[in-house]
Structure formats: C-alpha cells, structure tokens
C-alpha cells in the first residue's frame, strides 16, 4: 500500500470510480464513491478547494439523476460558491454550475405547479 486510504490520489480514484458507476447507471454506487472522495478532499485539501467543488458537483449530478432535486440543489450550490470564489463568475466551470442550478430551479418550479 503506497498511498493509503486517505491520500489525495486515493480520492481521485474514488472520484473516477464514481464517474464510471454513474455512466453505468449505478447511482447508489457512484454516490458512495463520491462521498468517500469528498471526505478525503475536505480533510486533506480543505472545504474551499476546487477538487472539493468538483466532487460537490458530481454528487449533485447523481442526486439530480436519482430525482432528489433538493439535495442536488444543495450540492450544486456548494460547488458554485467555491467556483465563484476560486475561479470567478465568468469561468466556464462556474457558468456550467450556475446553468445546472437554473435548470434544477426550473424543474422544481414545474414540479410544484
């Protein structure tokens, strides 16, 4: 065991496994991997790191796919806050997250009509 279970490289691997599971439609499995990744990133890199933001985004996407729109909105909002601070409002990644939130808001509004 070279890096260990709490190394940032291990977090990257968990994140990559989550992405594969998400593409396969295994949302529960993907969510579990993303949560492991998030815990490491927060502990090792901090709550405001871009890797942490990306993982919030990935969790939001999975929750959205699972139909948990309110939970997805929370995760996307966490991501957006970090990306705005670190990348600025005009960065493509920030804009993409803001767009995801706008679509989710629209879907939530339609659901409550």
C-alpha atoms as a PDB file:
ATOM      1  CA  UNK A   1       0.000   0.000   0.000  1.00  0.00           C
ATOM      2  CA  UNK A   2       1.808   3.056  -1.261  1.00  0.00           C
ATOM      3  CA  UNK A   3      -0.528   5.983  -0.703  1.00  0.00           C
ATOM      4  CA  UNK A   4      -3.148   4.709   1.719  1.00  0.00           C
ATOM      5  CA  UNK A   5      -6.883   5.166   2.075  1.00  0.00           C
ATOM      6  CA  UNK A   6      -6.697   8.851   2.979  1.00  0.00           C
ATOM      7  CA  UNK A   7      -4.334  10.086   0.273  1.00  0.00           C
ATOM      8  CA  UNK A   8      -5.485  12.639  -2.299  1.00  0.00           C
ATOM      9  CA  UNK A   9      -4.597  10.206  -5.100  1.00  0.00           C
ATOM     10  CA  UNK A  10      -6.943   7.689  -3.500  1.00  0.00           C
ATOM     11  CA  UNK A  11      -9.652  10.366  -3.506  1.00  0.00           C
ATOM     12  CA  UNK A  12      -9.041  10.888  -7.225  1.00  0.00           C
ATOM     13  CA  UNK A  13      -9.504   7.145  -7.736  1.00  0.00           C
ATOM     14  CA  UNK A  14     -12.752   7.109  -5.756  1.00  0.00           C
ATOM     15  CA  UNK A  15     -13.973  10.016  -7.847  1.00  0.00           C
ATOM     16  CA  UNK A  16     -13.072   8.244 -11.100  1.00  0.00           C
ATOM     17  CA  UNK A  17     -14.811   5.055  -9.968  1.00  0.00           C
ATOM     18  CA  UNK A  18     -17.855   7.171  -9.129  1.00  0.00           C
ATOM     19  CA  UNK A  19     -17.857   8.626 -12.638  1.00  0.00           C
ATOM     20  CA  UNK A  20     -17.767   5.154 -14.184  1.00  0.00           C
ATOM     21  CA  UNK A  21     -20.541   3.883 -11.921  1.00  0.00           C
ATOM     22  CA  UNK A  22     -22.626   6.928 -12.776  1.00  0.00           C
ATOM     23  CA  UNK A  23     -22.233   6.242 -16.509  1.00  0.00           C
ATOM     24  CA  UNK A  24     -23.294   2.638 -15.855  1.00  0.00           C
ATOM     25  CA  UNK A  25     -26.432   3.882 -14.099  1.00  0.00           C
ATOM     26  CA  UNK A  26     -25.338   2.681 -10.651  1.00  0.00           C
ATOM     27  CA  UNK A  27     -26.208   5.918  -8.884  1.00  0.00           C
ATOM     28  CA  UNK A  28     -26.073   4.489  -5.366  1.00  0.00           C
ATOM     29  CA  UNK A  29     -22.596   3.120  -6.011  1.00  0.00           C
ATOM     30  CA  UNK A  30     -21.460   6.372  -7.591  1.00  0.00           C
ATOM     31  CA  UNK A  31     -22.790   8.382  -4.673  1.00  0.00           C
ATOM     32  CA  UNK A  32     -20.894   6.199  -2.200  1.00  0.00           C
ATOM     33  CA  UNK A  33     -17.621   6.673  -4.108  1.00  0.00           C
ATOM     34  CA  UNK A  34     -18.114  10.427  -4.430  1.00  0.00           C
ATOM     35  CA  UNK A  35     -18.804  10.727  -0.709  1.00  0.00           C
ATOM     36  CA  UNK A  36     -15.565   8.878   0.110  1.00  0.00           C
ATOM     37  CA  UNK A  37     -13.722  11.191  -2.256  1.00  0.00           C
ATOM     38  CA  UNK A  38     -15.342  14.285  -0.742  1.00  0.00           C
ATOM     39  CA  UNK A  39     -14.373  13.297   2.798  1.00  0.00           C
ATOM     40  CA  UNK A  40     -10.714  12.966   1.799  1.00  0.00           C
ATOM     41  CA  UNK A  41     -10.647  16.181  -0.196  1.00  0.00           C
ATOM     42  CA  UNK A  42     -12.194  18.149   2.657  1.00  0.00           C
ATOM     43  CA  UNK A  43      -9.761  16.680   5.186  1.00  0.00           C
ATOM     44  CA  UNK A  44      -6.619  16.974   3.031  1.00  0.00           C
ATOM     45  CA  UNK A  45      -7.274  19.953   0.744  1.00  0.00           C
ATOM     46  CA  UNK A  46      -9.929  21.922   2.618  1.00  0.00           C
ATOM     47  CA  UNK A  47     -13.554  22.887   2.197  1.00  0.00           C
ATOM     48  CA  UNK A  48     -12.828  25.550  -0.447  1.00  0.00           C
ATOM     49  CA  UNK A  49     -10.570  23.573  -2.811  1.00  0.00           C
ATOM     50  CA  UNK A  50     -11.547  23.081  -6.450  1.00  0.00           C
ATOM     51  CA  UNK A  51     -11.391  19.284  -6.087  1.00  0.00           C
ATOM     52  CA  UNK A  52     -13.919  19.621  -3.288  1.00  0.00           C
ATOM     53  CA  UNK A  53     -16.099  21.775  -5.562  1.00  0.00           C
ATOM     54  CA  UNK A  54     -15.936  19.249  -8.397  1.00  0.00           C
ATOM     55  CA  UNK A  55     -16.970  16.477  -6.054  1.00  0.00           C
ATOM     56  CA  UNK A  56     -19.934  18.527  -4.810  1.00  0.00           C
ATOM     57  CA  UNK A  57     -20.890  18.955  -8.467  1.00  0.00           C
ATOM     58  CA  UNK A  58     -20.603  15.216  -9.126  1.00  0.00           C
ATOM     59  CA  UNK A  59     -22.764  14.418  -6.099  1.00  0.00           C
ATOM     60  CA  UNK A  60     -25.310  16.987  -7.255  1.00  0.00           C
ATOM     61  CA  UNK A  61     -25.461  15.415 -10.703  1.00  0.00           C
ATOM     62  CA  UNK A  62     -26.061  11.950  -9.266  1.00  0.00           C
ATOM     63  CA  UNK A  63     -28.736  13.188  -6.863  1.00  0.00           C
ATOM     64  CA  UNK A  64     -30.421  15.002  -9.750  1.00  0.00           C
ATOM     65  CA  UNK A  65     -30.383  11.797 -11.810  1.00  0.00           C
ATOM     66  CA  UNK A  66     -31.899   9.952  -8.854  1.00  0.00           C
ATOM     67  CA  UNK A  67     -34.712  12.511  -8.622  1.00  0.00           C
ATOM     68  CA  UNK A  68     -33.508  14.111  -5.378  1.00  0.00           C
ATOM     69  CA  UNK A  69     -33.683  17.645  -6.708  1.00  0.00           C
ATOM     70  CA  UNK A  70     -33.493  19.448  -3.361  1.00  0.00           C
ATOM     71  CA  UNK A  71     -30.361  17.534  -2.390  1.00  0.00           C
ATOM     72  CA  UNK A  72     -28.870  18.168  -5.812  1.00  0.00           C
ATOM     73  CA  UNK A  73     -29.557  21.878  -5.434  1.00  0.00           C
ATOM     74  CA  UNK A  74     -27.659  21.934  -2.137  1.00  0.00           C
ATOM     75  CA  UNK A  75     -24.632  20.212  -3.665  1.00  0.00           C
ATOM     76  CA  UNK A  76     -24.631  22.391  -6.789  1.00  0.00           C
ATOM     77  CA  UNK A  77     -24.889  25.491  -4.579  1.00  0.00           C
ATOM     78  CA  UNK A  78     -21.887  24.351  -2.523  1.00  0.00           C
ATOM     79  CA  UNK A  79     -19.963  23.851  -5.752  1.00  0.00           C
ATOM     80  CA  UNK A  80     -20.991  27.219  -7.175  1.00  0.00           C
ATOM     81  CA  UNK A  81     -19.900  29.073  -4.049  1.00  0.00           C
ATOM     82  CA  UNK A  82     -16.396  27.626  -4.268  1.00  0.00           C
ATOM     83  CA  UNK A  83     -16.086  28.067  -8.030  1.00  0.00           C
ATOM     84  CA  UNK A  84     -17.202  31.704  -7.886  1.00  0.00           C
ATOM     85  CA  UNK A  85     -14.651  32.386  -5.151  1.00  0.00           C
ATOM     86  CA  UNK A  86     -11.761  30.487  -6.729  1.00  0.00           C
ATOM     87  CA  UNK A  87     -12.411  30.839 -10.470  1.00  0.00           C
ATOM     88  CA  UNK A  88     -14.637  33.890 -10.792  1.00  0.00           C
ATOM     89  CA  UNK A  89     -18.165  34.279 -12.125  1.00  0.00           C
ATOM     90  CA  UNK A  90     -17.118  34.238 -15.787  1.00  0.00           C
ATOM     91  CA  UNK A  91     -15.160  30.977 -15.760  1.00  0.00           C
ATOM     92  CA  UNK A  92     -16.735  28.206 -17.899  1.00  0.00           C
ATOM     93  CA  UNK A  93     -16.921  25.785 -14.948  1.00  0.00           C
ATOM     94  CA  UNK A  94     -18.682  28.388 -12.815  1.00  0.00           C
ATOM     95  CA  UNK A  95     -21.118  29.160 -15.619  1.00  0.00           C
ATOM     96  CA  UNK A  96     -21.834  25.452 -16.132  1.00  0.00           C
ATOM     97  CA  UNK A  97     -22.666  25.021 -12.446  1.00  0.00           C
ATOM     98  CA  UNK A  98     -24.889  28.111 -12.477  1.00  0.00           C
ATOM     99  CA  UNK A  99     -26.663  26.657 -15.518  1.00  0.00           C
ATOM    100  CA  UNK A 100     -27.221  23.353 -13.709  1.00  0.00           C
ATOM    101  CA  UNK A 101     -28.784  25.269 -10.820  1.00  0.00           C
ATOM    102  CA  UNK A 102     -31.018  27.251 -13.179  1.00  0.00           C
ATOM    103  CA  UNK A 103     -32.277  24.072 -14.864  1.00  0.00           C
ATOM    104  CA  UNK A 104     -32.888  22.465 -11.499  1.00  0.00           C
ATOM    105  CA  UNK A 105     -34.761  25.538 -10.246  1.00  0.00           C
ATOM    106  CA  UNK A 106     -36.925  25.404 -13.375  1.00  0.00           C
ATOM    107  CA  UNK A 107     -37.677  21.703 -12.830  1.00  0.00           C
ATOM    108  CA  UNK A 108     -38.514  22.305  -9.172  1.00  0.00           C
ATOM    109  CA  UNK A 109     -40.855  25.161 -10.122  1.00  0.00           C
ATOM    110  CA  UNK A 110     -42.636  22.953 -12.667  1.00  0.00           C
ATOM    111  CA  UNK A 111     -42.988  20.190 -10.110  1.00  0.00           C
ATOM    112  CA  UNK A 112     -44.738  22.471  -7.633  1.00  0.00           C
ATOM    113  CA  UNK A 113     -47.251  23.830 -10.169  1.00  0.00           C
END
